[in-house]
Amino acid sequence: MQFKSWRSRIRRARGHGHPVRRHALALLLAAAPLACTHLMQTDANNLPDRMHRGDFSFERPARPGWYLSDTVDPPTLAEFTRHDGRAESQILIFAVAPRSPVTDAAELQRWAESLPDSDKVIAAAPGHGAICVRYHARSVLTVHYADTPSPSADRQVTDEDSLDCIDPHAPGYIVRFIYTQRSSIGGNPVGEEEAQQFLRTIEFDK
């Protein structure tokens, strides 16, 4: 997929950009038993070990159970999901055109600090062929079911680890590589290790 196919679409809806927010419905559904049919998805084990999207590449997730969505809506460039009981992990890669220019490390740091998550940890991340920061945050969504015979509440915790880079081939755009873990308690050590491994493999073409 070439970048020119989505840049014009971003210009029509500029902002921080956070497509993972559109998965709020998935958070609600995660409270119920999951039945994944894998329609319109490809088993990640059938994909090349290293995948290319536009001007960057990354290693596919190697743990069994990951599936790549066969259809994505630009500026989303790739979307992987994995279900484990009531827990869901997701890898989401998408492009953002911030309202204000982000052209150097200091501006990228400020942009990441402005993202609407809590417990943020942000650090410079050299070595990917672009100006990047590593980002970790946690968010909590609690849904109350009060209008039922047995009122209840479902609590979903999302742990997010990402690499956010200024696109060296299209200055002004940020490419976000996000690994999320969602469950009633958030992430786990296995997912955390997998997230770090995935983020380490990201490289922009020189």
N, C-alpha and C. Protein backbone atom coordinates (compact mmCIF):
# COMPACT_ATOMS: atom_id res chain seq x y z
N MET A 1 0.85 -1.20 0.00
CA MET A 1 0.00 0.00 0.00
C MET A 1 0.88 1.24 0.00
N GLN A 2 0.65 2.14 -0.91
CA GLN A 2 1.46 3.35 -1.00
C GLN A 2 0.82 4.48 -0.19
N PHE A 3 1.68 5.34 0.36
CA PHE A 3 1.20 6.41 1.21
C PHE A 3 0.28 7.37 0.49
N LYS A 4 0.51 7.59 -0.81
CA LYS A 4 -0.28 8.61 -1.50
C LYS A 4 -1.77 8.27 -1.47
N SER A 5 -2.13 7.01 -1.22
CA SER A 5 -3.53 6.62 -1.22
C SER A 5 -4.27 7.11 0.01
N TRP A 6 -3.53 7.47 1.09
CA TRP A 6 -4.24 7.89 2.28
C TRP A 6 -3.94 9.31 2.73
N ARG A 7 -2.90 9.93 2.17
CA ARG A 7 -2.56 11.27 2.65
C ARG A 7 -3.68 12.27 2.41
N SER A 8 -4.32 12.22 1.26
CA SER A 8 -5.38 13.17 0.99
C SER A 8 -6.55 12.97 1.92
N ARG A 9 -6.79 11.72 2.34
CA ARG A 9 -7.92 11.45 3.24
C ARG A 9 -7.63 11.99 4.63
N ILE A 10 -6.37 11.99 5.04
CA ILE A 10 -6.03 12.55 6.34
C ILE A 10 -6.25 14.05 6.36
N ARG A 11 -5.94 14.70 5.26
CA ARG A 11 -6.07 16.16 5.22
C ARG A 11 -7.51 16.60 5.47
N ARG A 12 -8.46 15.71 5.15
CA ARG A 12 -9.86 16.08 5.34
C ARG A 12 -10.31 15.92 6.79
N ALA A 13 -9.47 15.28 7.61
CA ALA A 13 -9.86 15.07 9.02
C ALA A 13 -8.61 15.13 9.88
N ARG A 14 -8.01 16.30 9.97
CA ARG A 14 -6.77 16.44 10.70
C ARG A 14 -7.04 16.44 12.19
N GLY A 15 -6.06 16.00 12.96
CA GLY A 15 -6.17 15.99 14.41
C GLY A 15 -5.17 15.04 15.00
N HIS A 16 -5.30 14.78 16.29
CA HIS A 16 -4.39 13.82 16.93
C HIS A 16 -4.53 12.47 16.25
N GLY A 17 -5.76 12.07 16.02
CA GLY A 17 -6.00 10.77 15.40
C GLY A 17 -5.81 9.67 16.42
N HIS A 18 -6.81 8.85 16.63
CA HIS A 18 -6.70 7.74 17.56
C HIS A 18 -7.73 6.69 17.18
N PRO A 19 -7.52 6.00 16.00
CA PRO A 19 -8.51 5.01 15.58
C PRO A 19 -8.80 3.94 16.60
N VAL A 20 -7.87 3.73 17.54
CA VAL A 20 -8.15 2.71 18.55
C VAL A 20 -9.39 3.07 19.35
N ARG A 21 -9.75 4.38 19.39
CA ARG A 21 -10.95 4.79 20.12
C ARG A 21 -12.22 4.21 19.48
N ARG A 22 -12.17 3.98 18.14
CA ARG A 22 -13.36 3.47 17.49
C ARG A 22 -13.65 2.05 17.90
N HIS A 23 -12.72 1.44 18.63
CA HIS A 23 -12.92 0.07 19.06
C HIS A 23 -13.56 0.02 20.45
N ALA A 24 -14.19 1.11 20.86
CA ALA A 24 -14.90 1.10 22.14
C ALA A 24 -15.95 0.00 22.16
N LEU A 25 -16.60 -0.23 21.02
CA LEU A 25 -17.59 -1.30 20.96
C LEU A 25 -16.94 -2.64 21.23
N ALA A 26 -15.73 -2.81 20.74
CA ALA A 26 -15.03 -4.07 20.99
C ALA A 26 -14.75 -4.25 22.48
N LEU A 27 -14.52 -3.14 23.17
CA LEU A 27 -14.33 -3.22 24.61
C LEU A 27 -15.57 -3.75 25.29
N LEU A 28 -16.73 -3.31 24.82
CA LEU A 28 -17.98 -3.78 25.42
C LEU A 28 -18.20 -5.25 25.10
N LEU A 29 -17.93 -5.62 23.88
CA LEU A 29 -18.13 -7.01 23.49
C LEU A 29 -17.16 -7.94 24.19
N ALA A 30 -16.02 -7.40 24.59
CA ALA A 30 -15.03 -8.25 25.25
C ALA A 30 -15.52 -8.76 26.59
N ALA A 31 -16.55 -8.13 27.13
CA ALA A 31 -17.11 -8.59 28.39
C ALA A 31 -17.92 -9.86 28.22
N ALA A 32 -18.28 -10.19 26.98
CA ALA A 32 -19.03 -11.42 26.71
C ALA A 32 -18.10 -12.44 26.08
N PRO A 33 -18.45 -13.73 26.12
CA PRO A 33 -17.60 -14.75 25.48
C PRO A 33 -17.40 -14.42 24.01
N LEU A 34 -16.18 -14.58 23.53
CA LEU A 34 -15.83 -14.21 22.18
C LEU A 34 -15.88 -15.42 21.27
N ALA A 35 -16.46 -15.25 20.10
CA ALA A 35 -16.50 -16.32 19.10
C ALA A 35 -15.94 -15.75 17.81
N CYS A 36 -14.66 -15.94 17.59
CA CYS A 36 -13.98 -15.34 16.44
C CYS A 36 -14.12 -16.25 15.24
N THR A 37 -14.73 -15.76 14.18
CA THR A 37 -14.91 -16.57 12.97
C THR A 37 -13.78 -16.37 11.98
N HIS A 38 -12.99 -15.32 12.16
CA HIS A 38 -11.85 -15.02 11.31
C HIS A 38 -12.26 -14.74 9.87
N LEU A 39 -13.51 -14.35 9.66
CA LEU A 39 -13.91 -13.93 8.33
C LEU A 39 -13.17 -12.65 7.97
N MET A 40 -12.74 -12.53 6.73
CA MET A 40 -12.00 -11.37 6.24
C MET A 40 -10.71 -11.16 7.01
N GLN A 41 -10.11 -12.26 7.47
CA GLN A 41 -8.85 -12.19 8.19
C GLN A 41 -7.90 -13.27 7.68
N THR A 42 -6.61 -13.02 7.84
CA THR A 42 -5.58 -13.98 7.44
C THR A 42 -4.76 -14.36 8.66
N ASP A 43 -4.57 -15.66 8.87
CA ASP A 43 -3.75 -16.14 9.97
C ASP A 43 -2.34 -15.56 9.82
N ALA A 44 -1.85 -14.90 10.86
CA ALA A 44 -0.55 -14.25 10.76
C ALA A 44 0.57 -15.25 10.50
N ASN A 45 0.39 -16.50 10.90
CA ASN A 45 1.42 -17.50 10.64
C ASN A 45 1.59 -17.79 9.16
N ASN A 46 0.64 -17.39 8.33
CA ASN A 46 0.73 -17.58 6.89
C ASN A 46 1.32 -16.37 6.17
N LEU A 47 1.72 -15.36 6.93
CA LEU A 47 2.27 -14.14 6.36
C LEU A 47 3.80 -14.19 6.33
N PRO A 48 4.44 -13.36 5.51
CA PRO A 48 5.91 -13.30 5.53
C PRO A 48 6.41 -12.91 6.92
N ASP A 49 7.61 -13.37 7.26
CA ASP A 49 8.16 -13.03 8.57
C ASP A 49 8.33 -11.52 8.71
N ARG A 50 8.70 -10.86 7.62
CA ARG A 50 8.84 -9.40 7.65
C ARG A 50 7.88 -8.81 6.64
N MET A 51 7.12 -7.82 7.09
CA MET A 51 6.07 -7.24 6.26
C MET A 51 6.40 -5.78 5.95
N HIS A 52 6.04 -5.35 4.74
CA HIS A 52 6.29 -3.98 4.28
C HIS A 52 4.96 -3.27 4.05
N ARG A 53 4.89 -2.03 4.51
CA ARG A 53 3.74 -1.16 4.26
C ARG A 53 4.30 0.20 3.87
N GLY A 54 4.13 0.57 2.59
CA GLY A 54 4.66 1.87 2.18
C GLY A 54 6.16 1.93 2.36
N ASP A 55 6.62 2.89 3.18
CA ASP A 55 8.05 3.14 3.34
C ASP A 55 8.61 2.58 4.65
N PHE A 56 7.93 1.64 5.28
CA PHE A 56 8.45 1.04 6.50
C PHE A 56 8.14 -0.45 6.51
N SER A 57 8.79 -1.16 7.43
CA SER A 57 8.57 -2.60 7.55
C SER A 57 8.62 -3.00 9.02
N PHE A 58 8.11 -4.20 9.31
CA PHE A 58 8.07 -4.71 10.67
C PHE A 58 7.92 -6.22 10.62
N GLU A 59 8.25 -6.90 11.71
CA GLU A 59 8.06 -8.33 11.79
C GLU A 59 6.63 -8.63 12.25
N ARG A 60 6.01 -9.60 11.60
CA ARG A 60 4.66 -10.00 12.00
C ARG A 60 4.71 -10.61 13.40
N PRO A 61 3.59 -10.57 14.14
CA PRO A 61 3.56 -11.25 15.43
C PRO A 61 3.68 -12.75 15.23
N ALA A 62 4.55 -13.39 15.99
CA ALA A 62 4.85 -14.80 15.78
C ALA A 62 4.01 -15.73 16.67
N ARG A 63 3.46 -15.21 17.76
CA ARG A 63 2.69 -16.07 18.67
C ARG A 63 1.43 -16.56 17.98
N PRO A 64 1.04 -17.82 18.15
CA PRO A 64 -0.18 -18.32 17.51
C PRO A 64 -1.42 -17.53 17.95
N GLY A 65 -2.40 -17.45 17.05
CA GLY A 65 -3.66 -16.81 17.38
C GLY A 65 -3.83 -15.41 16.83
N TRP A 66 -2.81 -14.87 16.17
CA TRP A 66 -2.92 -13.53 15.59
C TRP A 66 -3.50 -13.62 14.18
N TYR A 67 -4.37 -12.66 13.85
CA TYR A 67 -4.97 -12.58 12.52
C TYR A 67 -4.86 -11.16 11.99
N LEU A 68 -4.56 -11.05 10.70
CA LEU A 68 -4.48 -9.75 10.03
C LEU A 68 -5.80 -9.48 9.32
N SER A 69 -6.37 -8.31 9.54
CA SER A 69 -7.58 -7.92 8.82
C SER A 69 -7.25 -7.75 7.34
N ASP A 70 -8.02 -8.39 6.48
CA ASP A 70 -7.73 -8.33 5.05
C ASP A 70 -8.11 -7.00 4.43
N THR A 71 -8.99 -6.26 5.09
CA THR A 71 -9.43 -4.96 4.57
C THR A 71 -9.25 -3.91 5.66
N VAL A 72 -8.56 -2.83 5.35
CA VAL A 72 -8.41 -1.72 6.28
C VAL A 72 -8.83 -0.44 5.57
N ASP A 73 -9.18 0.55 6.37
CA ASP A 73 -9.68 1.82 5.85
C ASP A 73 -8.61 2.88 6.09
N PRO A 74 -7.87 3.31 5.07
CA PRO A 74 -6.86 4.35 5.27
C PRO A 74 -7.47 5.55 5.99
N PRO A 75 -6.72 6.16 6.93
CA PRO A 75 -5.28 6.04 7.12
C PRO A 75 -4.81 4.85 7.97
N THR A 76 -5.69 3.91 8.32
CA THR A 76 -5.20 2.68 8.95
C THR A 76 -4.47 1.86 7.90
N LEU A 77 -3.25 1.42 8.24
CA LEU A 77 -2.41 0.73 7.28
C LEU A 77 -2.32 -0.77 7.55
N ALA A 78 -2.55 -1.19 8.78
CA ALA A 78 -2.55 -2.61 9.11
C ALA A 78 -3.23 -2.79 10.46
N GLU A 79 -3.92 -3.93 10.62
CA GLU A 79 -4.62 -4.20 11.86
C GLU A 79 -4.59 -5.70 12.14
N PHE A 80 -3.97 -6.08 13.25
CA PHE A 80 -3.93 -7.46 13.71
C PHE A 80 -4.74 -7.59 15.00
N THR A 81 -5.39 -8.72 15.20
CA THR A 81 -6.09 -8.97 16.45
C THR A 81 -5.81 -10.39 16.93
N ARG A 82 -5.92 -10.56 18.25
CA ARG A 82 -5.75 -11.86 18.88
C ARG A 82 -6.67 -11.94 20.08
N HIS A 83 -7.47 -13.01 20.16
CA HIS A 83 -8.38 -13.20 21.28
C HIS A 83 -7.90 -14.37 22.14
N ASP A 84 -8.02 -14.19 23.43
CA ASP A 84 -7.66 -15.23 24.39
C ASP A 84 -8.71 -15.20 25.49
N GLY A 85 -9.78 -15.98 25.27
CA GLY A 85 -10.89 -15.91 26.22
C GLY A 85 -11.54 -14.54 26.14
N ARG A 86 -11.62 -13.87 27.27
CA ARG A 86 -12.23 -12.53 27.30
C ARG A 86 -11.21 -11.42 27.08
N ALA A 87 -9.98 -11.76 26.89
CA ALA A 87 -8.94 -10.76 26.63
C ALA A 87 -8.74 -10.61 25.14
N GLU A 88 -8.36 -9.39 24.73
CA GLU A 88 -8.08 -9.11 23.33
C GLU A 88 -6.79 -8.30 23.23
N SER A 89 -5.95 -8.70 22.29
CA SER A 89 -4.77 -7.92 21.95
C SER A 89 -4.92 -7.41 20.53
N GLN A 90 -4.33 -6.27 20.26
CA GLN A 90 -4.45 -5.70 18.93
C GLN A 90 -3.17 -4.97 18.56
N ILE A 91 -2.78 -5.08 17.31
CA ILE A 91 -1.71 -4.27 16.74
C ILE A 91 -2.35 -3.41 15.66
N LEU A 92 -2.22 -2.11 15.81
CA LEU A 92 -2.86 -1.18 14.90
C LEU A 92 -1.80 -0.20 14.39
N ILE A 93 -1.68 -0.06 13.08
CA ILE A 93 -0.73 0.87 12.47
C ILE A 93 -1.53 1.87 11.65
N PHE A 94 -1.37 3.15 11.96
CA PHE A 94 -2.12 4.16 11.22
C PHE A 94 -1.35 5.46 11.18
N ALA A 95 -1.77 6.34 10.29
CA ALA A 95 -1.11 7.62 10.07
C ALA A 95 -1.95 8.75 10.63
N VAL A 96 -1.26 9.78 11.09
CA VAL A 96 -1.89 10.94 11.71
C VAL A 96 -1.31 12.20 11.10
N ALA A 97 -2.15 13.19 10.84
CA ALA A 97 -1.69 14.52 10.44
C ALA A 97 -2.09 15.50 11.54
N PRO A 98 -1.19 15.81 12.47
CA PRO A 98 -1.54 16.69 13.59
C PRO A 98 -2.00 18.07 13.12
N ARG A 99 -2.81 18.70 13.96
CA ARG A 99 -3.29 20.06 13.63
C ARG A 99 -2.13 21.04 13.57
N SER A 100 -1.18 20.88 14.50
CA SER A 100 0.00 21.74 14.50
C SER A 100 1.19 20.95 13.99
N PRO A 101 2.12 21.60 13.29
CA PRO A 101 3.26 20.87 12.72
C PRO A 101 4.07 20.14 13.79
N VAL A 102 4.50 18.94 13.47
CA VAL A 102 5.38 18.15 14.33
C VAL A 102 6.57 17.77 13.47
N THR A 103 7.67 18.46 13.67
CA THR A 103 8.81 18.30 12.76
C THR A 103 10.10 17.89 13.44
N ASP A 104 10.14 17.91 14.79
CA ASP A 104 11.37 17.53 15.47
C ASP A 104 11.03 16.76 16.75
N ALA A 105 12.08 16.32 17.46
CA ALA A 105 11.89 15.47 18.63
C ALA A 105 11.11 16.17 19.74
N ALA A 106 11.38 17.45 19.95
CA ALA A 106 10.70 18.18 21.02
C ALA A 106 9.21 18.30 20.72
N GLU A 107 8.88 18.60 19.47
CA GLU A 107 7.46 18.72 19.10
C GLU A 107 6.76 17.36 19.17
N LEU A 108 7.47 16.29 18.81
CA LEU A 108 6.88 14.96 18.90
C LEU A 108 6.61 14.58 20.36
N GLN A 109 7.53 14.93 21.25
CA GLN A 109 7.34 14.67 22.68
C GLN A 109 6.10 15.41 23.19
N ARG A 110 5.96 16.67 22.82
CA ARG A 110 4.79 17.45 23.28
C ARG A 110 3.50 16.86 22.70
N TRP A 111 3.54 16.43 21.45
CA TRP A 111 2.35 15.83 20.85
C TRP A 111 1.95 14.57 21.59
N ALA A 112 2.92 13.71 21.92
CA ALA A 112 2.62 12.48 22.65
C ALA A 112 2.06 12.79 24.04
N GLU A 113 2.61 13.81 24.67
CA GLU A 113 2.11 14.18 26.00
C GLU A 113 0.67 14.65 25.96
N SER A 114 0.22 15.14 24.81
CA SER A 114 -1.15 15.66 24.70
C SER A 114 -2.18 14.57 24.41
N LEU A 115 -1.75 13.35 24.17
CA LEU A 115 -2.71 12.27 23.89
C LEU A 115 -3.57 12.00 25.12
N PRO A 116 -4.85 11.67 24.91
CA PRO A 116 -5.81 11.61 26.02
C PRO A 116 -5.81 10.29 26.78
N ASP A 117 -4.66 9.86 27.24
CA ASP A 117 -4.57 8.67 28.06
C ASP A 117 -4.05 9.04 29.44
N SER A 118 -4.03 8.08 30.35
CA SER A 118 -3.51 8.32 31.68
C SER A 118 -2.25 7.49 31.90
N ASP A 119 -1.53 7.79 32.97
CA ASP A 119 -0.32 7.06 33.34
C ASP A 119 0.66 6.99 32.17
N LYS A 120 0.85 8.10 31.47
CA LYS A 120 1.72 8.10 30.29
C LYS A 120 3.20 8.04 30.68
N VAL A 121 3.95 7.23 29.91
CA VAL A 121 5.41 7.20 30.00
C VAL A 121 5.93 7.34 28.58
N ILE A 122 6.75 8.37 28.34
CA ILE A 122 7.21 8.68 26.99
C ILE A 122 8.73 8.81 27.01
N ALA A 123 9.38 8.20 26.03
CA ALA A 123 10.84 8.26 25.96
C ALA A 123 11.28 8.28 24.51
N ALA A 124 12.42 8.94 24.24
CA ALA A 124 12.97 8.94 22.89
C ALA A 124 13.31 7.51 22.48
N ALA A 125 13.16 7.23 21.18
CA ALA A 125 13.40 5.87 20.66
C ALA A 125 14.22 5.96 19.38
N PRO A 126 15.54 6.06 19.50
CA PRO A 126 16.38 6.12 18.31
C PRO A 126 16.51 4.74 17.64
N GLY A 127 17.02 4.75 16.41
CA GLY A 127 17.37 3.50 15.76
C GLY A 127 16.33 2.90 14.84
N HIS A 128 15.28 3.65 14.49
CA HIS A 128 14.25 3.13 13.60
C HIS A 128 14.25 3.79 12.23
N GLY A 129 15.23 4.65 11.97
CA GLY A 129 15.29 5.34 10.69
C GLY A 129 14.40 6.56 10.63
N ALA A 130 13.93 7.02 11.79
CA ALA A 130 13.05 8.19 11.87
C ALA A 130 13.13 8.76 13.28
N ILE A 131 12.59 9.96 13.48
CA ILE A 131 12.46 10.52 14.82
C ILE A 131 11.25 9.87 15.47
N CYS A 132 11.49 9.14 16.57
CA CYS A 132 10.41 8.35 17.19
C CYS A 132 10.43 8.50 18.70
N VAL A 133 9.29 8.26 19.32
CA VAL A 133 9.19 8.13 20.77
C VAL A 133 8.48 6.83 21.09
N ARG A 134 8.86 6.25 22.22
CA ARG A 134 8.13 5.11 22.76
C ARG A 134 7.12 5.64 23.75
N TYR A 135 5.94 5.03 23.72
CA TYR A 135 4.80 5.56 24.48
C TYR A 135 4.13 4.40 25.21
N HIS A 136 3.85 4.59 26.48
CA HIS A 136 3.04 3.62 27.24
C HIS A 136 1.97 4.39 27.99
N ALA A 137 0.76 3.83 28.00
CA ALA A 137 -0.34 4.47 28.73
C ALA A 137 -1.37 3.41 29.09
N ARG A 138 -2.26 3.78 29.99
CA ARG A 138 -3.34 2.89 30.41
C ARG A 138 -4.64 3.68 30.43
N SER A 139 -5.72 3.04 29.99
CA SER A 139 -7.04 3.66 30.07
C SER A 139 -8.02 2.64 30.61
N VAL A 140 -9.06 3.15 31.25
CA VAL A 140 -10.06 2.29 31.89
C VAL A 140 -11.44 2.70 31.41
N LEU A 141 -12.23 1.71 31.00
CA LEU A 141 -13.61 1.95 30.60
C LEU A 141 -14.51 1.08 31.46
N THR A 142 -15.44 1.71 32.16
CA THR A 142 -16.40 0.97 32.98
C THR A 142 -17.79 1.20 32.43
N VAL A 143 -18.48 0.12 32.11
CA VAL A 143 -19.83 0.19 31.57
C VAL A 143 -20.79 -0.34 32.62
N HIS A 144 -21.76 0.48 32.99
CA HIS A 144 -22.74 0.10 34.00
C HIS A 144 -24.03 -0.35 33.32
N TYR A 145 -24.49 -1.52 33.68
CA TYR A 145 -25.76 -2.05 33.19
C TYR A 145 -26.77 -1.94 34.33
N ALA A 146 -27.40 -0.77 34.43
CA ALA A 146 -28.29 -0.50 35.56
C ALA A 146 -29.72 -0.91 35.27
N ASP A 147 -30.13 -0.81 34.01
CA ASP A 147 -31.53 -1.06 33.66
C ASP A 147 -31.75 -2.55 33.35
N THR A 148 -31.38 -3.40 34.29
CA THR A 148 -31.53 -4.84 34.14
C THR A 148 -32.01 -5.42 35.46
N PRO A 149 -32.55 -6.63 35.44
CA PRO A 149 -32.97 -7.26 36.71
C PRO A 149 -31.81 -7.40 37.70
N SER A 150 -30.61 -7.58 37.18
CA SER A 150 -29.43 -7.71 38.05
C SER A 150 -28.39 -6.69 37.62
N PRO A 151 -28.45 -5.46 38.13
CA PRO A 151 -27.49 -4.43 37.74
C PRO A 151 -26.05 -4.90 37.92
N SER A 152 -25.20 -4.52 36.98
CA SER A 152 -23.80 -4.94 37.04
C SER A 152 -22.93 -3.89 36.34
N ALA A 153 -21.65 -4.11 36.40
CA ALA A 153 -20.70 -3.22 35.74
C ALA A 153 -19.56 -4.05 35.16
N ASP A 154 -19.17 -3.71 33.96
CA ASP A 154 -18.03 -4.35 33.31
C ASP A 154 -16.89 -3.34 33.23
N ARG A 155 -15.73 -3.76 33.68
CA ARG A 155 -14.55 -2.88 33.68
C ARG A 155 -13.53 -3.45 32.72
N GLN A 156 -13.14 -2.64 31.74
CA GLN A 156 -12.14 -3.05 30.78
C GLN A 156 -10.93 -2.11 30.89
N VAL A 157 -9.76 -2.71 31.05
CA VAL A 157 -8.51 -1.95 31.18
C VAL A 157 -7.69 -2.17 29.92
N THR A 158 -7.22 -1.10 29.33
CA THR A 158 -6.39 -1.17 28.12
C THR A 158 -4.99 -0.67 28.43
N ASP A 159 -4.01 -1.54 28.22
CA ASP A 159 -2.60 -1.14 28.29
C ASP A 159 -2.11 -0.95 26.87
N GLU A 160 -1.56 0.21 26.60
CA GLU A 160 -1.11 0.55 25.25
C GLU A 160 0.39 0.82 25.23
N ASP A 161 1.09 0.14 24.33
CA ASP A 161 2.49 0.42 24.07
C ASP A 161 2.61 0.78 22.60
N SER A 162 3.32 1.85 22.30
CA SER A 162 3.40 2.26 20.90
C SER A 162 4.75 2.86 20.57
N LEU A 163 5.03 2.87 19.27
CA LEU A 163 6.13 3.63 18.71
C LEU A 163 5.50 4.66 17.80
N ASP A 164 5.80 5.93 18.04
CA ASP A 164 5.21 7.03 17.28
C ASP A 164 6.33 7.78 16.58
N CYS A 165 6.27 7.82 15.25
CA CYS A 165 7.40 8.34 14.46
C CYS A 165 6.95 9.42 13.48
N ILE A 166 7.79 10.44 13.34
CA ILE A 166 7.59 11.41 12.26
C ILE A 166 8.01 10.72 10.97
N ASP A 167 7.13 10.67 10.01
CA ASP A 167 7.41 9.98 8.76
C ASP A 167 8.55 10.72 8.03
N PRO A 168 9.72 10.09 7.87
CA PRO A 168 10.83 10.80 7.22
C PRO A 168 10.59 11.04 5.73
N HIS A 169 9.64 10.31 5.14
CA HIS A 169 9.36 10.46 3.71
C HIS A 169 8.20 11.43 3.45
N ALA A 170 7.50 11.81 4.51
CA ALA A 170 6.39 12.75 4.39
C ALA A 170 6.34 13.59 5.66
N PRO A 171 7.28 14.52 5.82
CA PRO A 171 7.32 15.34 7.04
C PRO A 171 5.97 16.00 7.32
N GLY A 172 5.60 15.99 8.58
CA GLY A 172 4.30 16.52 8.98
C GLY A 172 3.33 15.42 9.34
N TYR A 173 3.62 14.20 8.90
CA TYR A 173 2.79 13.06 9.25
C TYR A 173 3.47 12.23 10.34
N ILE A 174 2.66 11.66 11.21
CA ILE A 174 3.14 10.74 12.24
C ILE A 174 2.55 9.37 11.95
N VAL A 175 3.39 8.35 12.01
CA VAL A 175 2.92 6.98 11.89
C VAL A 175 2.95 6.35 13.28
N ARG A 176 1.82 5.81 13.71
CA ARG A 176 1.70 5.20 15.04
C ARG A 176 1.64 3.68 14.90
N PHE A 177 2.48 3.00 15.65
CA PHE A 177 2.49 1.54 15.72
C PHE A 177 2.05 1.18 17.15
N ILE A 178 0.83 0.72 17.29
CA ILE A 178 0.24 0.56 18.62
C ILE A 178 -0.04 -0.91 18.92
N TYR A 179 0.41 -1.35 20.07
CA TYR A 179 0.10 -2.69 20.58
C TYR A 179 -0.74 -2.49 21.84
N THR A 180 -1.97 -3.00 21.85
CA THR A 180 -2.83 -2.87 23.02
C THR A 180 -3.20 -4.23 23.57
N GLN A 181 -3.40 -4.26 24.88
CA GLN A 181 -3.93 -5.43 25.58
C GLN A 181 -5.16 -4.98 26.36
N ARG A 182 -6.29 -5.65 26.14
CA ARG A 182 -7.54 -5.27 26.79
C ARG A 182 -8.11 -6.47 27.52
N SER A 183 -8.44 -6.26 28.79
CA SER A 183 -9.09 -7.29 29.60
C SER A 183 -9.60 -6.61 30.86
N SER A 184 -10.16 -7.38 31.76
CA SER A 184 -10.66 -6.78 33.01
C SER A 184 -9.53 -6.30 33.90
N ILE A 185 -8.29 -6.78 33.65
CA ILE A 185 -7.15 -6.37 34.48
C ILE A 185 -6.04 -5.73 33.64
N GLY A 186 -6.24 -5.60 32.34
CA GLY A 186 -5.23 -5.01 31.49
C GLY A 186 -4.29 -6.06 30.92
N GLY A 187 -3.04 -5.67 30.71
CA GLY A 187 -2.08 -6.55 30.05
C GLY A 187 -1.47 -7.57 30.97
N ASN A 188 -0.60 -8.41 30.37
CA ASN A 188 0.12 -9.43 31.12
C ASN A 188 1.56 -9.47 30.64
N PRO A 189 2.45 -10.13 31.38
CA PRO A 189 3.87 -10.13 31.01
C PRO A 189 4.16 -10.70 29.62
N VAL A 190 3.41 -11.72 29.19
CA VAL A 190 3.63 -12.30 27.87
C VAL A 190 3.32 -11.27 26.79
N GLY A 191 2.19 -10.58 26.94
CA GLY A 191 1.83 -9.55 25.98
C GLY A 191 2.80 -8.39 26.00
N GLU A 192 3.26 -8.01 27.19
CA GLU A 192 4.22 -6.91 27.30
C GLU A 192 5.51 -7.26 26.57
N GLU A 193 6.00 -8.48 26.74
CA GLU A 193 7.22 -8.89 26.04
C GLU A 193 7.01 -8.90 24.53
N GLU A 194 5.84 -9.38 24.10
CA GLU A 194 5.55 -9.40 22.67
C GLU A 194 5.46 -7.99 22.10
N ALA A 195 4.86 -7.08 22.85
CA ALA A 195 4.76 -5.69 22.41
C ALA A 195 6.14 -5.09 22.21
N GLN A 196 7.02 -5.30 23.18
CA GLN A 196 8.37 -4.72 23.07
C GLN A 196 9.12 -5.31 21.88
N GLN A 197 8.95 -6.62 21.66
CA GLN A 197 9.62 -7.26 20.53
C GLN A 197 9.11 -6.69 19.21
N PHE A 198 7.78 -6.55 19.08
CA PHE A 198 7.21 -6.01 17.85
C PHE A 198 7.72 -4.60 17.59
N LEU A 199 7.71 -3.75 18.60
CA LEU A 199 8.11 -2.36 18.40
C LEU A 199 9.59 -2.25 18.04
N ARG A 200 10.41 -3.15 18.55
CA ARG A 200 11.84 -3.12 18.21
C ARG A 200 12.09 -3.40 16.73
N THR A 201 11.18 -4.10 16.06
CA THR A 201 11.44 -4.53 14.69
C THR A 201 11.09 -3.48 13.64
N ILE A 202 10.49 -2.37 14.04
CA ILE A 202 9.99 -1.38 13.08
C ILE A 202 11.16 -0.59 12.49
N GLU A 203 11.18 -0.50 11.17
CA GLU A 203 12.23 0.25 10.47
C GLU A 203 11.63 1.02 9.30
N PHE A 204 12.03 2.28 9.18
CA PHE A 204 11.69 3.08 8.00
C PHE A 204 12.79 2.93 6.97
N ASP A 205 12.40 2.89 5.70
CA ASP A 205 13.39 2.78 4.63
C ASP A 205 14.27 4.03 4.61
N LYS A 206 15.52 3.84 4.28
CA LYS A 206 16.43 4.98 4.18
C LYS A 206 16.24 5.66 2.83
